[in-house]
Amino acid sequence: MLRLVLAVLLILPVLLSGAARADQDDPRLPALFAHLKTAESAPEARLVEALIWQAWSASADDEVNALMIRGVHALSDGDARQALTVFDAMVQRSPNFAEGWNKRATVYFLIGDFESSVSDIERTLQLEPRHFGALSGLGQIYLALDRDEAALKAFEAALAIDPHLAGVKAAVEDIKKKRAGEPT
């Protein structure tokens, strides 16, 4: 618990420094990613991850922020068609906003259009190579396509950025057991 309090105190100046703009170019992100690698507990890592996602999900463009909110609401309501329409508009309005591409990739994944999802993940990673969420999603797609080696590579890349992804660690272990002929 003391470590978590210290982590918050270390992160607080980063948050208070503010950013002229948010998204994958947020100047607070390098410090957050550095802290993520050294987090000593799951709660500490979740806090840092949440701050990273918060930066990724914000744009200097208010219209893009409004689209993000509409798209996320559509996703949470289970309306993939509406979410896709909204995220299409977002990537058209702001083609350099990595999280727009990542959100649209998520919708494509959910509707089973893996090819489009992979394409959008590739664009996300061009804009934000540290996007552990996109890498994790890529691994899930490759698992669904029975491409274990590609999944393992994507998952290991995600873990190199965020070593605290429990679900990704479990997937890596399952793939390695499968490769060794052990039951998963």
C-alpha atoms as a PDB file:
ATOM      1  CA  MET A   1       0.000   0.000   0.000  1.00  0.00           C
ATOM      2  CA  LEU A   2       2.848   2.366   0.806  1.00  0.00           C
ATOM      3  CA  ARG A   3       4.329   1.680  -2.631  1.00  0.00           C
ATOM      4  CA  LEU A   4       0.993   2.563  -4.260  1.00  0.00           C
ATOM      5  CA  VAL A   5       0.789   5.848  -2.328  1.00  0.00           C
ATOM      6  CA  LEU A   6       4.358   6.658  -3.348  1.00  0.00           C
ATOM      7  CA  ALA A   7       3.495   5.823  -6.955  1.00  0.00           C
ATOM      8  CA  VAL A   8       0.557   8.226  -6.869  1.00  0.00           C
ATOM      9  CA  LEU A   9       2.807  10.912  -5.425  1.00  0.00           C
ATOM     10  CA  LEU A  10       5.359  10.309  -8.176  1.00  0.00           C
ATOM     11  CA  ILE A  11       2.724  10.364 -10.891  1.00  0.00           C
ATOM     12  CA  LEU A  12       0.894  13.405  -9.552  1.00  0.00           C
ATOM     13  CA  PRO A  13       3.466  15.942 -10.835  1.00  0.00           C
ATOM     14  CA  VAL A  14       3.237  14.336 -14.264  1.00  0.00           C
ATOM     15  CA  LEU A  15      -0.529  14.772 -14.241  1.00  0.00           C
ATOM     16  CA  LEU A  16      -0.421  18.304 -12.915  1.00  0.00           C
ATOM     17  CA  SER A  17       2.114  19.351 -15.522  1.00  0.00           C
ATOM     18  CA  GLY A  18      -0.758  19.366 -17.978  1.00  0.00           C
ATOM     19  CA  ALA A  19      -0.454  18.913 -21.673  1.00  0.00           C
ATOM     20  CA  ALA A  20      -0.987  21.293 -24.526  1.00  0.00           C
ATOM     21  CA  ARG A  21      -2.597  18.368 -26.274  1.00  0.00           C
ATOM     22  CA  ALA A  22      -3.419  14.832 -25.443  1.00  0.00           C
ATOM     23  CA  ASP A  23      -3.395  11.604 -27.485  1.00  0.00           C
ATOM     24  CA  GLN A  24      -0.357   9.468 -28.299  1.00  0.00           C
ATOM     25  CA  ASP A  25       1.804  12.609 -28.374  1.00  0.00           C
ATOM     26  CA  ASP A  26       0.936  13.623 -24.818  1.00  0.00           C
ATOM     27  CA  PRO A  27       4.213  14.754 -23.196  1.00  0.00           C
ATOM     28  CA  ARG A  28       3.265  12.917 -19.982  1.00  0.00           C
ATOM     29  CA  LEU A  29       3.355   9.502 -21.653  1.00  0.00           C
ATOM     30  CA  PRO A  30       7.114   8.772 -21.534  1.00  0.00           C
ATOM     31  CA  ALA A  31       7.145   9.112 -17.749  1.00  0.00           C
ATOM     32  CA  LEU A  32       4.006   7.012 -17.446  1.00  0.00           C
ATOM     33  CA  PHE A  33       5.443   4.237 -19.621  1.00  0.00           C
ATOM     34  CA  ALA A  34       8.681   4.288 -17.627  1.00  0.00           C
ATOM     35  CA  HIS A  35       6.713   3.976 -14.404  1.00  0.00           C
ATOM     36  CA  LEU A  36       4.572   1.185 -15.866  1.00  0.00           C
ATOM     37  CA  LYS A  37       7.634  -0.987 -16.393  1.00  0.00           C
ATOM     38  CA  THR A  38       8.712  -0.579 -12.771  1.00  0.00           C
ATOM     39  CA  ALA A  39       5.318  -0.845 -11.069  1.00  0.00           C
ATOM     40  CA  GLU A  40       5.615  -3.335  -8.236  1.00  0.00           C
ATOM     41  CA  SER A  41       1.979  -4.266  -7.791  1.00  0.00           C
ATOM     42  CA  ALA A  42      -1.125  -4.873  -9.882  1.00  0.00           C
ATOM     43  CA  PRO A  43      -2.998  -1.889  -8.380  1.00  0.00           C
ATOM     44  CA  GLU A  44      -0.062   0.390  -9.116  1.00  0.00           C
ATOM     45  CA  ALA A  45       0.130  -0.890 -12.695  1.00  0.00           C
ATOM     46  CA  ARG A  46      -3.666  -0.492 -13.185  1.00  0.00           C
ATOM     47  CA  LEU A  47      -3.399   3.134 -12.047  1.00  0.00           C
ATOM     48  CA  VAL A  48      -0.645   3.896 -14.543  1.00  0.00           C
ATOM     49  CA  GLU A  49      -2.463   2.014 -17.314  1.00  0.00           C
ATOM     50  CA  ALA A  50      -5.600   4.058 -16.621  1.00  0.00           C
ATOM     51  CA  LEU A  51      -3.622   7.277 -16.948  1.00  0.00           C
ATOM     52  CA  ILE A  52      -2.137   6.088 -20.236  1.00  0.00           C
ATOM     53  CA  TRP A  53      -5.581   5.151 -21.587  1.00  0.00           C
ATOM     54  CA  GLN A  54      -6.872   8.543 -20.459  1.00  0.00           C
ATOM     55  CA  ALA A  55      -4.136  10.308 -22.435  1.00  0.00           C
ATOM     56  CA  TRP A  56      -4.635   8.099 -25.480  1.00  0.00           C
ATOM     57  CA  SER A  57      -8.390   8.684 -25.476  1.00  0.00           C
ATOM     58  CA  ALA A  58      -8.255  12.478 -25.395  1.00  0.00           C
ATOM     59  CA  SER A  59      -7.807  14.768 -28.337  1.00  0.00           C
ATOM     60  CA  ALA A  60      -7.132  18.479 -28.686  1.00  0.00           C
ATOM     61  CA  ASP A  61     -10.142  18.468 -31.046  1.00  0.00           C
ATOM     62  CA  ASP A  62     -13.431  18.756 -29.126  1.00  0.00           C
ATOM     63  CA  GLU A  63     -15.373  17.166 -31.993  1.00  0.00           C
ATOM     64  CA  VAL A  64     -13.107  14.107 -31.876  1.00  0.00           C
ATOM     65  CA  ASN A  65     -13.665  13.901 -28.120  1.00  0.00           C
ATOM     66  CA  ALA A  66     -17.429  14.036 -28.681  1.00  0.00           C
ATOM     67  CA  LEU A  67     -17.142  11.275 -31.278  1.00  0.00           C
ATOM     68  CA  MET A  68     -15.090   9.191 -28.846  1.00  0.00           C
ATOM     69  CA  ILE A  69     -17.811   9.479 -26.216  1.00  0.00           C
ATOM     70  CA  ARG A  70     -20.565   8.624 -28.713  1.00  0.00           C
ATOM     71  CA  GLY A  71     -18.648   5.653 -30.064  1.00  0.00           C
ATOM     72  CA  VAL A  72     -17.810   4.256 -26.641  1.00  0.00           C
ATOM     73  CA  HIS A  73     -21.458   4.615 -25.587  1.00  0.00           C
ATOM     74  CA  ALA A  74     -22.585   2.809 -28.726  1.00  0.00           C
ATOM     75  CA  LEU A  75     -20.111   0.017 -27.984  1.00  0.00           C
ATOM     76  CA  SER A  76     -21.254  -0.295 -24.384  1.00  0.00           C
ATOM     77  CA  ASP A  77     -24.868  -0.411 -25.610  1.00  0.00           C
ATOM     78  CA  GLY A  78     -23.928  -3.263 -27.961  1.00  0.00           C
ATOM     79  CA  ASP A  79     -24.622  -1.212 -31.080  1.00  0.00           C
ATOM     80  CA  ALA A  80     -21.626  -2.172 -33.206  1.00  0.00           C
ATOM     81  CA  ARG A  81     -23.100  -0.646 -36.359  1.00  0.00           C
ATOM     82  CA  GLN A  82     -23.464   2.780 -34.719  1.00  0.00           C
ATOM     83  CA  ALA A  83     -20.035   2.496 -33.083  1.00  0.00           C
ATOM     84  CA  LEU A  84     -18.487   1.698 -36.461  1.00  0.00           C
ATOM     85  CA  THR A  85     -20.179   4.708 -38.053  1.00  0.00           C
ATOM     86  CA  VAL A  86     -18.922   6.982 -35.276  1.00  0.00           C
ATOM     87  CA  PHE A  87     -15.362   5.627 -35.327  1.00  0.00           C
ATOM     88  CA  ASP A  88     -15.307   5.864 -39.139  1.00  0.00           C
ATOM     89  CA  ALA A  89     -16.108   9.567 -38.758  1.00  0.00           C
ATOM     90  CA  MET A  90     -13.410   9.893 -36.098  1.00  0.00           C
ATOM     91  CA  VAL A  91     -10.608   8.430 -38.215  1.00  0.00           C
ATOM     92  CA  GLN A  92     -11.721  10.542 -41.175  1.00  0.00           C
ATOM     93  CA  ARG A  93     -11.704  13.722 -39.082  1.00  0.00           C
ATOM     94  CA  SER A  94      -8.452  12.931 -37.280  1.00  0.00           C
ATOM     95  CA  PRO A  95      -6.392  10.346 -39.186  1.00  0.00           C
ATOM     96  CA  ASN A  96      -3.395  10.833 -36.888  1.00  0.00           C
ATOM     97  CA  PHE A  97      -5.335  10.041 -33.710  1.00  0.00           C
ATOM     98  CA  ALA A  98      -4.193   6.534 -32.820  1.00  0.00           C
ATOM     99  CA  GLU A  99      -7.020   5.739 -30.435  1.00  0.00           C
ATOM    100  CA  GLY A 100      -9.604   6.366 -33.136  1.00  0.00           C
ATOM    101  CA  TRP A 101      -8.037   3.603 -35.198  1.00  0.00           C
ATOM    102  CA  ASN A 102      -7.760   1.355 -32.157  1.00  0.00           C
ATOM    103  CA  LYS A 103     -11.421   1.807 -31.254  1.00  0.00           C
ATOM    104  CA  ARG A 104     -12.495   1.070 -34.815  1.00  0.00           C
ATOM    105  CA  ALA A 105     -10.240  -2.013 -34.787  1.00  0.00           C
ATOM    106  CA  THR A 106     -12.105  -3.155 -31.677  1.00  0.00           C
ATOM    107  CA  VAL A 107     -15.443  -2.850 -33.433  1.00  0.00           C
ATOM    108  CA  TYR A 108     -14.146  -4.766 -36.436  1.00  0.00           C
ATOM    109  CA  PHE A 109     -12.908  -7.490 -34.081  1.00  0.00           C
ATOM    110  CA  LEU A 110     -16.287  -7.691 -32.365  1.00  0.00           C
ATOM    111  CA  ILE A 111     -18.130  -8.108 -35.671  1.00  0.00           C
ATOM    112  CA  GLY A 112     -15.622 -10.716 -36.866  1.00  0.00           C
ATOM    113  CA  ASP A 113     -13.947  -8.640 -39.570  1.00  0.00           C
ATOM    114  CA  PHE A 114     -10.424  -9.633 -38.561  1.00  0.00           C
ATOM    115  CA  GLU A 115      -8.793  -8.351 -41.741  1.00  0.00           C
ATOM    116  CA  SER A 116     -10.085  -4.816 -41.196  1.00  0.00           C
ATOM    117  CA  SER A 117      -9.243  -5.033 -37.504  1.00  0.00           C
ATOM    118  CA  VAL A 118      -5.644  -6.002 -38.251  1.00  0.00           C
ATOM    119  CA  SER A 119      -5.376  -3.164 -40.761  1.00  0.00           C
ATOM    120  CA  ASP A 120      -6.582  -0.639 -38.178  1.00  0.00           C
ATOM    121  CA  ILE A 121      -4.291  -2.108 -35.503  1.00  0.00           C
ATOM    122  CA  GLU A 122      -1.348  -1.702 -37.869  1.00  0.00           C
ATOM    123  CA  ARG A 123      -2.282   1.962 -38.317  1.00  0.00           C
ATOM    124  CA  THR A 124      -2.657   2.359 -34.542  1.00  0.00           C
ATOM    125  CA  LEU A 125       0.825   0.929 -34.034  1.00  0.00           C
ATOM    126  CA  GLN A 126       2.312   3.194 -36.711  1.00  0.00           C
ATOM    127  CA  LEU A 127       0.998   6.160 -34.749  1.00  0.00           C
ATOM    128  CA  GLU A 128       1.639   4.730 -31.253  1.00  0.00           C
ATOM    129  CA  PRO A 129       4.105   1.809 -31.218  1.00  0.00           C
ATOM    130  CA  ARG A 130       3.693   1.490 -27.435  1.00  0.00           C
ATOM    131  CA  HIS A 131      -0.025   0.689 -27.704  1.00  0.00           C
ATOM    132  CA  PHE A 132      -0.150  -2.436 -25.559  1.00  0.00           C
ATOM    133  CA  GLY A 133      -3.927  -2.620 -26.035  1.00  0.00           C
ATOM    134  CA  ALA A 134      -3.601  -2.809 -29.810  1.00  0.00           C
ATOM    135  CA  LEU A 135      -0.863  -5.429 -29.506  1.00  0.00           C
ATOM    136  CA  SER A 136      -3.012  -7.470 -27.132  1.00  0.00           C
ATOM    137  CA  GLY A 137      -5.923  -7.229 -29.562  1.00  0.00           C
ATOM    138  CA  LEU A 138      -3.678  -8.319 -32.406  1.00  0.00           C
ATOM    139  CA  GLY A 139      -2.690 -11.354 -30.375  1.00  0.00           C
ATOM    140  CA  GLN A 140      -6.357 -12.193 -29.785  1.00  0.00           C
ATOM    141  CA  ILE A 141      -7.070 -12.002 -33.506  1.00  0.00           C
ATOM    142  CA  TYR A 142      -4.169 -14.310 -34.284  1.00  0.00           C
ATOM    143  CA  LEU A 143      -5.396 -16.755 -31.635  1.00  0.00           C
ATOM    144  CA  ALA A 144      -8.845 -16.738 -33.238  1.00  0.00           C
ATOM    145  CA  LEU A 145      -7.176 -17.496 -36.585  1.00  0.00           C
ATOM    146  CA  ASP A 146      -5.098 -20.342 -35.062  1.00  0.00           C
ATOM    147  CA  ARG A 147      -1.884 -18.444 -35.755  1.00  0.00           C
ATOM    148  CA  ASP A 148      -0.227 -19.181 -32.431  1.00  0.00           C
ATOM    149  CA  GLU A 149       3.264 -18.000 -33.377  1.00  0.00           C
ATOM    150  CA  ALA A 150       1.982 -14.627 -34.564  1.00  0.00           C
ATOM    151  CA  ALA A 151      -0.195 -14.371 -31.433  1.00  0.00           C
ATOM    152  CA  LEU A 152       2.795 -15.148 -29.227  1.00  0.00           C
ATOM    153  CA  LYS A 153       4.864 -12.458 -30.938  1.00  0.00           C
ATOM    154  CA  ALA A 154       2.109  -9.844 -30.487  1.00  0.00           C
ATOM    155  CA  PHE A 155       1.530 -10.810 -26.854  1.00  0.00           C
ATOM    156  CA  GLU A 156       5.238 -10.716 -26.037  1.00  0.00           C
ATOM    157  CA  ALA A 157       5.489  -7.277 -27.640  1.00  0.00           C
ATOM    158  CA  ALA A 158       2.599  -6.092 -25.434  1.00  0.00           C
ATOM    159  CA  LEU A 159       4.296  -7.513 -22.336  1.00  0.00           C
ATOM    160  CA  ALA A 160       7.563  -5.789 -23.220  1.00  0.00           C
ATOM    161  CA  ILE A 161       5.669  -2.504 -22.891  1.00  0.00           C
ATOM    162  CA  ASP A 162       3.369  -3.468 -20.011  1.00  0.00           C
ATOM    163  CA  PRO A 163       4.635  -6.486 -18.070  1.00  0.00           C
ATOM    164  CA  HIS A 164       1.533  -6.424 -15.834  1.00  0.00           C
ATOM    165  CA  LEU A 165      -1.082  -7.662 -18.307  1.00  0.00           C
ATOM    166  CA  ALA A 166      -2.323 -10.759 -16.488  1.00  0.00           C
ATOM    167  CA  GLY A 167      -4.571 -11.985 -19.301  1.00  0.00           C
ATOM    168  CA  VAL A 168      -1.786 -11.610 -21.834  1.00  0.00           C
ATOM    169  CA  LYS A 169       0.641 -13.467 -19.555  1.00  0.00           C
ATOM    170  CA  ALA A 170      -1.880 -16.307 -19.266  1.00  0.00           C
ATOM    171  CA  ALA A 171      -2.310 -16.432 -23.051  1.00  0.00           C
ATOM    172  CA  VAL A 172       1.480 -16.624 -23.512  1.00  0.00           C
ATOM    173  CA  GLU A 173       1.670 -19.474 -21.008  1.00  0.00           C
ATOM    174  CA  ASP A 174      -1.156 -21.325 -22.789  1.00  0.00           C
ATOM    175  CA  ILE A 175       0.533 -20.956 -26.172  1.00  0.00           C
ATOM    176  CA  LYS A 176       3.842 -22.180 -24.779  1.00  0.00           C
ATOM    177  CA  LYS A 177       2.144 -25.179 -23.125  1.00  0.00           C
ATOM    178  CA  LYS A 178       0.377 -25.976 -26.385  1.00  0.00           C
ATOM    179  CA  ARG A 179       3.674 -25.802 -28.269  1.00  0.00           C
ATOM    180  CA  ALA A 180       5.235 -28.152 -25.695  1.00  0.00           C
ATOM    181  CA  GLY A 181       2.332 -30.586 -26.056  1.00  0.00           C
ATOM    182  CA  GLU A 182       1.035 -29.912 -22.554  1.00  0.00           C
ATOM    183  CA  PRO A 183      -2.683 -29.505 -21.837  1.00  0.00           C
ATOM    184  CA  THR A 184      -3.790 -25.865 -21.549  1.00  0.00           C
END
